[in-house]
N, C-alpha and C. Protein backbone atom coordinates (compact mmCIF):
# COMPACT_ATOMS: atom_id res chain seq x y z
N MET A 1 105.60 77.93 129.37
CA MET A 1 104.70 78.22 128.39
C MET A 1 105.19 78.03 127.26
N GLN A 2 105.33 77.23 126.35
CA GLN A 2 105.84 76.46 125.20
C GLN A 2 105.77 77.98 124.64
N LYS A 3 106.80 78.12 123.52
CA LYS A 3 106.62 79.12 122.48
C LYS A 3 106.90 78.28 121.29
N VAL A 4 106.34 79.12 120.13
CA VAL A 4 105.70 78.56 119.00
C VAL A 4 105.79 79.78 117.88
N SER A 5 107.15 79.56 117.01
CA SER A 5 107.39 80.33 115.60
C SER A 5 107.14 79.45 114.85
N ILE A 6 106.42 80.50 113.72
CA ILE A 6 106.31 79.99 112.56
C ILE A 6 106.77 81.06 111.37
N LEU A 7 108.13 80.22 111.02
CA LEU A 7 108.75 81.42 109.56
C LEU A 7 108.12 81.10 108.43
N CYS A 8 107.56 82.15 107.97
CA CYS A 8 106.33 82.07 106.53
C CYS A 8 107.21 82.86 105.37
N VAL A 9 107.83 82.01 104.40
CA VAL A 9 108.20 82.81 103.27
C VAL A 9 107.11 83.30 102.42
N GLY A 10 106.94 84.63 102.17
CA GLY A 10 106.00 84.57 101.56
C GLY A 10 105.14 85.85 102.98
N LYS A 11 104.17 86.48 102.05
CA LYS A 11 103.02 87.53 103.10
C LYS A 11 102.03 87.11 102.75
N LEU A 12 100.68 87.01 103.67
CA LEU A 12 99.55 86.88 103.80
C LEU A 12 99.28 88.24 102.68
N LYS A 13 98.46 87.53 101.84
CA LYS A 13 97.74 89.05 101.17
C LYS A 13 95.76 89.09 101.45
N GLU A 14 95.51 87.71 101.04
CA GLU A 14 94.21 87.33 101.41
C GLU A 14 93.47 87.78 103.12
N LYS A 15 92.45 88.88 102.85
CA LYS A 15 92.32 89.21 104.35
C LYS A 15 91.29 87.68 105.00
N PHE A 16 90.78 86.61 104.06
CA PHE A 16 90.38 85.78 104.49
C PHE A 16 91.21 84.63 105.26
N TYR A 17 92.43 84.67 105.04
CA TYR A 17 93.64 83.98 104.95
C TYR A 17 94.26 84.47 106.58
N ALA A 18 94.18 86.09 106.54
CA ALA A 18 94.55 86.57 107.68
C ALA A 18 93.71 86.49 109.08
N ASP A 19 92.15 86.69 108.60
CA ASP A 19 91.52 86.64 109.88
C ASP A 19 91.53 85.41 110.07
N ALA A 20 91.74 84.04 109.63
CA ALA A 20 91.56 82.75 110.46
C ALA A 20 92.80 82.92 110.99
N ALA A 21 93.92 82.94 110.07
CA ALA A 21 95.10 82.87 111.10
C ALA A 21 95.39 83.75 112.70
N ALA A 22 94.70 84.73 112.17
CA ALA A 22 94.66 85.79 113.64
C ALA A 22 93.53 85.60 114.33
N GLU A 23 92.26 84.20 114.11
CA GLU A 23 91.73 83.88 114.77
C GLU A 23 92.60 82.62 115.91
N TYR A 24 92.98 82.24 114.98
CA TYR A 24 93.80 80.27 115.66
C TYR A 24 95.04 81.18 116.58
N LEU A 25 95.37 82.15 116.26
CA LEU A 25 96.84 82.55 117.38
C LEU A 25 96.35 83.27 118.64
N LYS A 26 94.93 84.01 118.32
CA LYS A 26 94.05 84.17 119.29
C LYS A 26 93.80 83.06 120.55
N ARG A 27 93.28 81.71 119.70
CA ARG A 27 92.72 80.37 120.35
C ARG A 27 94.05 79.95 120.98
N LEU A 28 95.22 80.03 120.16
CA LEU A 28 96.71 79.52 120.45
C LEU A 28 97.15 79.91 122.09
N SER A 29 96.82 80.87 122.34
CA SER A 29 97.34 82.35 123.65
C SER A 29 97.40 81.37 124.84
N ARG A 30 96.22 81.12 124.89
CA ARG A 30 96.07 79.78 125.89
C ARG A 30 96.82 78.96 126.43
N TYR A 31 97.79 78.50 125.14
CA TYR A 31 98.33 76.96 125.41
C TYR A 31 99.91 77.32 125.17
N CYS A 32 100.21 78.80 124.42
CA CYS A 32 101.52 78.98 124.13
C CYS A 32 101.69 80.32 123.76
N LYS A 33 102.80 80.42 123.15
CA LYS A 33 103.28 82.16 123.01
C LYS A 33 103.88 81.85 121.49
N ALA A 34 102.56 81.57 120.70
CA ALA A 34 102.99 81.76 119.21
C ALA A 34 103.54 83.28 118.61
N GLU A 35 103.62 82.98 117.57
CA GLU A 35 103.84 84.23 116.57
C GLU A 35 104.59 83.32 115.09
N ILE A 36 104.44 84.58 114.37
CA ILE A 36 103.97 84.17 112.67
C ILE A 36 105.58 85.46 112.40
N VAL A 37 106.27 84.99 111.91
CA VAL A 37 107.46 85.78 111.46
C VAL A 37 107.64 85.45 109.32
N GLU A 38 107.02 86.30 108.76
CA GLU A 38 106.66 86.37 107.68
C GLU A 38 108.48 87.07 107.31
N LEU A 39 108.91 86.49 105.99
CA LEU A 39 109.78 86.84 105.22
C LEU A 39 109.61 86.73 103.93
N PRO A 40 110.33 88.09 103.25
CA PRO A 40 110.13 88.16 101.62
C PRO A 40 110.65 86.66 100.68
N GLU A 41 109.59 86.60 99.79
CA GLU A 41 110.07 85.38 99.42
C GLU A 41 110.76 85.95 97.85
N ALA A 42 111.60 85.11 97.36
CA ALA A 42 112.11 85.47 96.37
C ALA A 42 111.34 85.55 95.13
N ARG A 43 112.00 87.01 94.44
CA ARG A 43 111.61 87.09 92.79
C ARG A 43 112.44 86.00 91.77
N LEU A 44 111.02 85.77 91.21
CA LEU A 44 111.08 84.60 90.13
C LEU A 44 110.44 84.99 88.78
N ARG A 45 110.81 84.90 87.74
CA ARG A 45 110.35 85.03 86.11
C ARG A 45 109.00 83.35 86.41
N GLU A 46 107.89 83.97 85.67
CA GLU A 46 107.08 82.79 85.37
C GLU A 46 107.28 81.64 85.37
N ALA A 47 108.39 81.15 83.88
CA ALA A 47 108.69 80.09 83.58
C ALA A 47 110.41 80.08 84.51
N PRO A 48 110.70 79.84 85.42
CA PRO A 48 111.71 79.71 86.28
C PRO A 48 112.31 78.40 85.71
N SER A 49 114.01 78.66 85.50
CA SER A 49 115.26 77.14 85.35
C SER A 49 114.84 76.91 86.47
N PRO A 50 115.41 75.39 86.56
CA PRO A 50 115.99 74.76 87.81
C PRO A 50 116.66 76.14 88.54
N ALA A 51 117.77 76.17 87.81
CA ALA A 51 118.97 76.91 88.29
C ALA A 51 118.55 78.23 89.12
N GLU A 52 117.78 79.05 89.00
CA GLU A 52 116.85 79.82 89.23
C GLU A 52 115.98 79.51 90.39
N ILE A 53 115.49 78.29 90.09
CA ILE A 53 114.66 78.14 91.53
C ILE A 53 115.98 77.56 92.61
N GLU A 54 116.88 76.91 92.38
CA GLU A 54 117.66 76.63 93.12
C GLU A 54 118.31 77.83 94.11
N ARG A 55 118.79 78.98 92.79
CA ARG A 55 119.25 80.61 93.33
C ARG A 55 118.06 81.03 94.53
N ALA A 56 116.97 81.17 94.10
CA ALA A 56 115.83 81.52 94.95
C ALA A 56 115.67 80.64 96.33
N LEU A 57 115.37 79.83 96.14
CA LEU A 57 115.35 78.44 97.56
C LEU A 57 116.19 78.73 98.48
N LEU A 58 118.13 78.67 98.02
CA LEU A 58 119.04 79.52 98.42
C LEU A 58 119.09 80.45 99.41
N GLU A 59 118.64 81.56 98.27
CA GLU A 59 118.35 83.44 98.97
C GLU A 59 117.31 83.15 100.02
N GLU A 60 116.33 82.54 100.11
CA GLU A 60 115.44 82.54 101.00
C GLU A 60 115.54 81.40 102.21
N ALA A 61 116.58 80.90 101.83
CA ALA A 61 117.27 79.61 103.06
C ALA A 61 117.74 80.55 103.88
N GLY A 62 118.50 81.57 103.13
CA GLY A 62 120.13 82.54 103.82
C GLY A 62 118.89 82.91 104.92
N ARG A 63 117.48 84.08 104.47
CA ARG A 63 116.70 84.70 104.85
C ARG A 63 115.86 83.91 106.36
N VAL A 64 115.54 82.78 106.40
CA VAL A 64 114.95 81.69 107.37
C VAL A 64 116.37 81.53 108.65
N GLU A 65 117.30 81.07 107.53
CA GLU A 65 118.32 80.87 108.98
C GLU A 65 119.19 81.97 109.91
N GLU A 66 119.07 82.88 109.38
CA GLU A 66 118.71 84.60 110.15
C GLU A 66 118.34 84.39 110.95
N ARG A 67 117.05 83.62 110.97
CA ARG A 67 115.59 83.98 112.11
C ARG A 67 115.58 82.89 113.12
N LEU A 68 116.45 81.57 112.65
CA LEU A 68 116.04 80.40 113.35
C LEU A 68 116.74 80.75 114.92
N PRO A 69 116.09 80.08 115.89
CA PRO A 69 116.65 80.41 117.44
C PRO A 69 117.66 79.06 117.31
N LYS A 70 118.59 79.77 118.49
CA LYS A 70 119.38 79.04 118.64
C LYS A 70 119.40 77.48 119.26
N SER A 71 117.82 77.48 119.65
CA SER A 71 117.72 76.16 120.46
C SER A 71 116.30 75.55 119.81
N GLY A 72 116.07 73.94 120.86
CA GLY A 72 114.16 74.22 120.18
C GLY A 72 114.17 73.11 119.06
N ALA A 73 113.30 72.89 118.90
CA ALA A 73 113.04 71.81 117.95
C ALA A 73 112.43 72.54 116.28
N LEU A 74 112.98 72.27 115.83
CA LEU A 74 112.57 72.78 114.06
C LEU A 74 111.74 71.80 113.16
N ILE A 75 110.55 71.94 112.95
CA ILE A 75 109.85 71.42 112.17
C ILE A 75 109.33 71.81 110.91
N ALA A 76 109.71 71.31 109.65
CA ALA A 76 109.80 71.61 108.54
C ALA A 76 108.14 71.12 107.57
N LEU A 77 107.66 71.97 106.95
CA LEU A 77 106.67 71.55 106.36
C LEU A 77 107.48 71.72 104.64
N CYS A 78 107.03 70.23 104.09
CA CYS A 78 107.30 69.58 103.36
C CYS A 78 106.56 68.49 102.46
N ILE A 79 105.90 68.48 101.37
CA ILE A 79 105.67 67.56 100.82
C ILE A 79 105.69 66.02 101.11
N GLU A 80 107.29 66.07 101.16
CA GLU A 80 107.56 64.95 101.08
C GLU A 80 108.07 64.55 102.49
N GLY A 81 107.37 64.98 103.37
CA GLY A 81 107.20 64.82 104.95
C GLY A 81 106.37 63.60 105.28
N LYS A 82 106.40 63.23 106.84
CA LYS A 82 105.47 62.65 107.32
C LYS A 82 104.20 63.22 107.17
N THR A 83 102.95 62.30 107.51
CA THR A 83 101.58 62.56 107.46
C THR A 83 101.66 61.84 108.74
N LEU A 84 100.85 62.91 109.38
CA LEU A 84 100.19 62.40 110.93
C LEU A 84 98.90 62.84 111.03
N SER A 85 98.38 61.79 111.68
CA SER A 85 96.99 62.44 112.01
C SER A 85 96.91 63.26 113.18
N SER A 86 96.06 64.08 113.61
CA SER A 86 95.72 65.02 114.65
C SER A 86 96.46 64.30 116.18
N PRO A 87 95.83 63.28 116.18
CA PRO A 87 96.53 62.69 117.61
C PRO A 87 97.57 62.57 117.80
N ALA A 88 98.56 62.26 116.55
CA ALA A 88 99.94 61.47 116.65
C ALA A 88 100.97 63.02 116.27
N PHE A 89 100.18 64.24 115.95
CA PHE A 89 100.75 65.63 115.92
C PHE A 89 100.89 66.09 117.52
N ALA A 90 99.83 65.75 118.14
CA ALA A 90 99.55 65.90 119.46
C ALA A 90 100.68 65.74 120.31
N GLU A 91 101.02 64.12 119.94
CA GLU A 91 102.14 63.60 120.57
C GLU A 91 102.72 63.50 120.22
N ALA A 92 103.82 64.20 119.03
CA ALA A 92 104.87 64.49 118.30
C ALA A 92 105.41 66.00 119.77
N LEU A 93 104.35 66.95 119.33
CA LEU A 93 104.42 68.14 120.29
C LEU A 93 104.97 67.53 121.65
N GLY A 94 104.09 66.83 122.12
CA GLY A 94 104.43 66.50 123.47
C GLY A 94 105.74 65.95 123.48
N GLY A 95 106.03 65.02 122.69
CA GLY A 95 107.49 64.61 123.11
C GLY A 95 108.41 65.43 123.00
N PHE A 96 108.34 66.42 121.99
CA PHE A 96 109.69 67.43 122.37
C PHE A 96 109.52 68.26 123.18
N ALA A 97 108.21 68.74 124.31
CA ALA A 97 108.04 69.20 125.28
C ALA A 97 109.02 68.36 126.47
N VAL A 98 108.93 66.90 126.28
CA VAL A 98 109.15 66.33 127.52
C VAL A 98 110.88 65.91 126.92
N SER A 99 111.47 66.26 126.09
CA SER A 99 112.44 65.97 125.90
C SER A 99 113.64 67.47 126.02
N GLY A 100 112.37 68.55 126.82
CA GLY A 100 113.17 69.76 126.77
C GLY A 100 113.00 71.18 125.44
N ALA A 101 112.42 70.76 124.43
CA ALA A 101 112.05 71.75 123.79
C ALA A 101 111.12 72.65 124.01
N SER A 102 111.36 73.89 124.45
CA SER A 102 110.53 74.66 124.88
C SER A 102 110.30 75.90 123.72
N GLN A 103 111.03 75.71 123.00
CA GLN A 103 110.63 76.52 121.43
C GLN A 103 110.69 75.18 120.64
N LEU A 104 109.47 75.75 119.91
CA LEU A 104 108.98 74.66 118.31
C LEU A 104 109.22 75.96 117.17
N THR A 105 109.97 75.43 116.05
CA THR A 105 110.08 76.62 115.28
C THR A 105 109.60 75.79 114.02
N PHE A 106 108.16 76.10 113.66
CA PHE A 106 107.97 75.16 112.36
C PHE A 106 108.14 76.21 110.59
N LEU A 107 108.72 75.50 109.57
CA LEU A 107 108.80 76.12 108.42
C LEU A 107 108.02 76.11 107.75
N ILE A 108 107.65 77.40 106.85
CA ILE A 108 106.31 77.01 105.61
C ILE A 108 106.77 77.90 104.56
N GLY A 109 107.59 77.37 103.56
CA GLY A 109 108.07 77.59 102.44
C GLY A 109 107.81 78.11 101.28
N GLY A 110 107.55 79.22 100.13
CA GLY A 110 107.13 79.88 99.70
C GLY A 110 106.72 78.76 98.55
N SER A 111 106.46 79.61 97.45
CA SER A 111 105.45 78.75 95.96
C SER A 111 106.44 77.57 96.08
N VAL A 112 107.96 77.65 95.81
CA VAL A 112 108.36 76.86 95.46
C VAL A 112 109.60 75.92 96.37
N GLY A 113 108.86 75.70 97.59
CA GLY A 113 109.07 75.03 98.76
C GLY A 113 110.75 75.33 99.53
N LEU A 114 111.10 74.91 100.63
CA LEU A 114 112.17 75.12 100.66
C LEU A 114 113.37 74.56 100.37
N HIS A 115 114.56 75.42 101.07
CA HIS A 115 115.70 74.37 100.65
C HIS A 115 116.18 73.23 101.39
N GLN A 116 116.89 72.38 100.11
CA GLN A 116 116.73 71.32 101.10
C GLN A 116 118.11 71.52 101.90
N SER A 117 118.88 72.12 102.45
CA SER A 117 119.63 72.67 103.77
C SER A 117 118.56 72.35 104.71
N LEU A 118 117.73 73.19 104.73
CA LEU A 118 116.53 73.54 105.94
C LEU A 118 116.01 72.48 106.52
N LYS A 119 115.36 71.73 105.02
CA LYS A 119 114.76 70.54 105.22
C LYS A 119 116.28 69.23 105.98
N ASP A 120 117.14 69.29 105.86
CA ASP A 120 118.24 68.73 106.58
C ASP A 120 118.45 68.61 107.83
N ARG A 121 118.03 69.85 107.87
CA ARG A 121 118.42 70.19 109.34
C ARG A 121 117.18 69.99 110.49
N ALA A 122 115.74 69.78 109.70
CA ALA A 122 114.90 69.61 110.55
C ALA A 122 114.82 68.57 111.45
N ASP A 123 113.90 68.55 112.81
CA ASP A 123 113.22 67.44 113.20
C ASP A 123 112.93 66.78 113.06
N LEU A 124 111.63 67.29 112.28
CA LEU A 124 110.94 66.75 112.08
C LEU A 124 110.46 67.51 110.71
N ARG A 125 110.36 66.38 109.47
CA ARG A 125 109.82 67.02 107.67
C ARG A 125 108.09 66.75 108.15
N LEU A 126 107.52 67.44 108.31
CA LEU A 126 105.72 67.09 108.34
C LEU A 126 105.07 67.61 106.86
N SER A 127 104.63 66.54 106.36
CA SER A 127 103.05 67.20 105.35
C SER A 127 102.23 67.44 106.03
N MET A 128 101.36 67.91 105.17
CA MET A 128 99.94 67.85 105.22
C MET A 128 99.28 67.40 105.22
N SER A 129 99.78 66.68 103.90
CA SER A 129 98.57 65.96 102.94
C SER A 129 99.92 65.12 101.55
N PRO A 130 99.84 64.36 101.29
CA PRO A 130 99.85 64.54 99.78
C PRO A 130 99.67 65.14 98.51
N MET A 131 98.77 65.41 98.54
CA MET A 131 98.07 67.09 98.17
C MET A 131 98.77 68.62 98.30
N THR A 132 98.85 69.18 97.02
CA THR A 132 99.94 70.07 97.46
C THR A 132 98.46 71.26 97.61
N PHE A 133 99.09 72.45 98.96
CA PHE A 133 98.46 73.43 99.08
C PHE A 133 98.83 74.62 98.78
N PRO A 134 98.19 75.71 98.45
CA PRO A 134 99.14 77.02 98.75
C PRO A 134 99.43 77.29 99.68
N HIS A 135 101.08 77.72 100.09
CA HIS A 135 101.47 78.25 101.42
C HIS A 135 100.49 79.09 102.50
N HIS A 136 99.70 79.80 101.62
CA HIS A 136 98.93 80.67 102.66
C HIS A 136 97.98 80.01 103.10
N LEU A 137 97.58 78.97 102.40
CA LEU A 137 96.64 78.00 103.13
C LEU A 137 97.37 77.24 104.06
N ALA A 138 98.37 76.55 103.87
CA ALA A 138 99.00 75.94 104.68
C ALA A 138 99.24 76.37 105.78
N ARG A 139 99.51 77.90 106.33
CA ARG A 139 99.97 78.78 107.42
C ARG A 139 98.79 78.42 108.54
N VAL A 140 97.25 78.68 107.51
CA VAL A 140 95.98 78.23 108.43
C VAL A 140 95.98 76.84 108.49
N MET A 141 96.10 75.89 107.90
CA MET A 141 96.38 74.71 108.43
C MET A 141 96.83 74.09 109.65
N LEU A 142 98.33 74.94 109.55
CA LEU A 142 99.29 74.59 110.81
C LEU A 142 98.92 75.23 111.62
N LEU A 143 98.05 76.14 111.74
CA LEU A 143 97.53 76.95 113.38
C LEU A 143 96.50 76.08 113.53
N GLU A 144 95.71 76.13 112.82
CA GLU A 144 94.36 74.92 113.27
C GLU A 144 95.00 73.40 113.93
N GLN A 145 95.69 72.97 113.56
CA GLN A 145 96.25 71.91 113.72
C GLN A 145 97.17 72.22 115.12
N LEU A 146 97.91 72.92 115.47
CA LEU A 146 98.41 73.28 116.68
C LEU A 146 97.15 73.93 117.52
N TYR A 147 96.58 74.63 117.34
CA TYR A 147 95.49 75.08 117.89
C TYR A 147 94.57 73.24 118.74
N ARG A 148 94.36 72.52 117.81
CA ARG A 148 93.91 70.92 118.06
C ARG A 148 94.58 70.50 118.63
N ALA A 149 96.02 69.90 118.35
CA ALA A 149 97.43 69.11 119.37
C ALA A 149 96.99 69.69 120.44
N TYR A 150 97.27 71.12 121.06
CA TYR A 150 96.97 71.26 122.44
C TYR A 150 95.61 71.42 123.36
N GLN A 151 94.26 71.03 122.37
CA GLN A 151 93.47 70.53 122.59
C GLN A 151 93.26 69.46 122.98
N ILE A 152 94.08 68.78 122.46
CA ILE A 152 93.90 67.16 122.50
C ILE A 152 94.85 66.76 123.66
N GLN A 153 95.96 67.29 123.94
CA GLN A 153 96.57 67.17 125.49
C GLN A 153 95.72 67.59 126.32
N ALA A 154 95.42 68.92 126.20
CA ALA A 154 94.30 69.24 127.63
C ALA A 154 93.19 68.56 128.00
N GLY A 155 92.63 67.28 127.00
CA GLY A 155 91.12 66.77 126.86
C GLY A 155 90.46 67.76 126.41
N GLY A 156 90.53 68.74 126.04
CA GLY A 156 89.31 69.81 125.13
C GLY A 156 88.14 68.70 124.08
N ARG A 157 87.47 69.12 124.34
CA ARG A 157 86.39 68.82 123.05
C ARG A 157 86.43 69.32 121.86
N TYR A 158 87.46 69.82 121.74
CA TYR A 158 87.11 70.47 120.16
C TYR A 158 87.38 69.74 119.12
N HIS A 159 88.77 68.68 119.66
CA HIS A 159 88.77 67.42 118.41
C HIS A 159 88.25 66.14 118.94
N LYS A 160 87.07 66.28 119.56
CA LYS A 160 86.11 65.38 119.10
C LYS A 160 85.11 65.72 117.32
């Protein structure tokens, strides 16, 4: 069974996001061992300078690096990433499995995104949309798309 880790910068505060995430984690348990790891978000003032943002991203990247598995595929969610249809996402996940990646690690940055070093390290840069979403919503959307991908691979009816 494939292991899926979602490393998230920032914590879910809203109950409705937490409830939705919990529901998809429960559904995913039939297909993979999924876990969410929340990492602290760096504090920034209201209107941070580019240098302050870079320092925050570096700080967060250090925390992420400490939690990255030694092997497997790394997928970074970022707006400049590749957009995939649900079937293409399912195919990409299947491709990682065929290549021997029993561990998939997804990265979701905080309010200012992910440091470039993490994006450069990723096996896939994935964009949910050219639109910007709150990172809390992106977590739920990713969980739903993971569930949909596993359903597609299994020939389930959910995707239809």
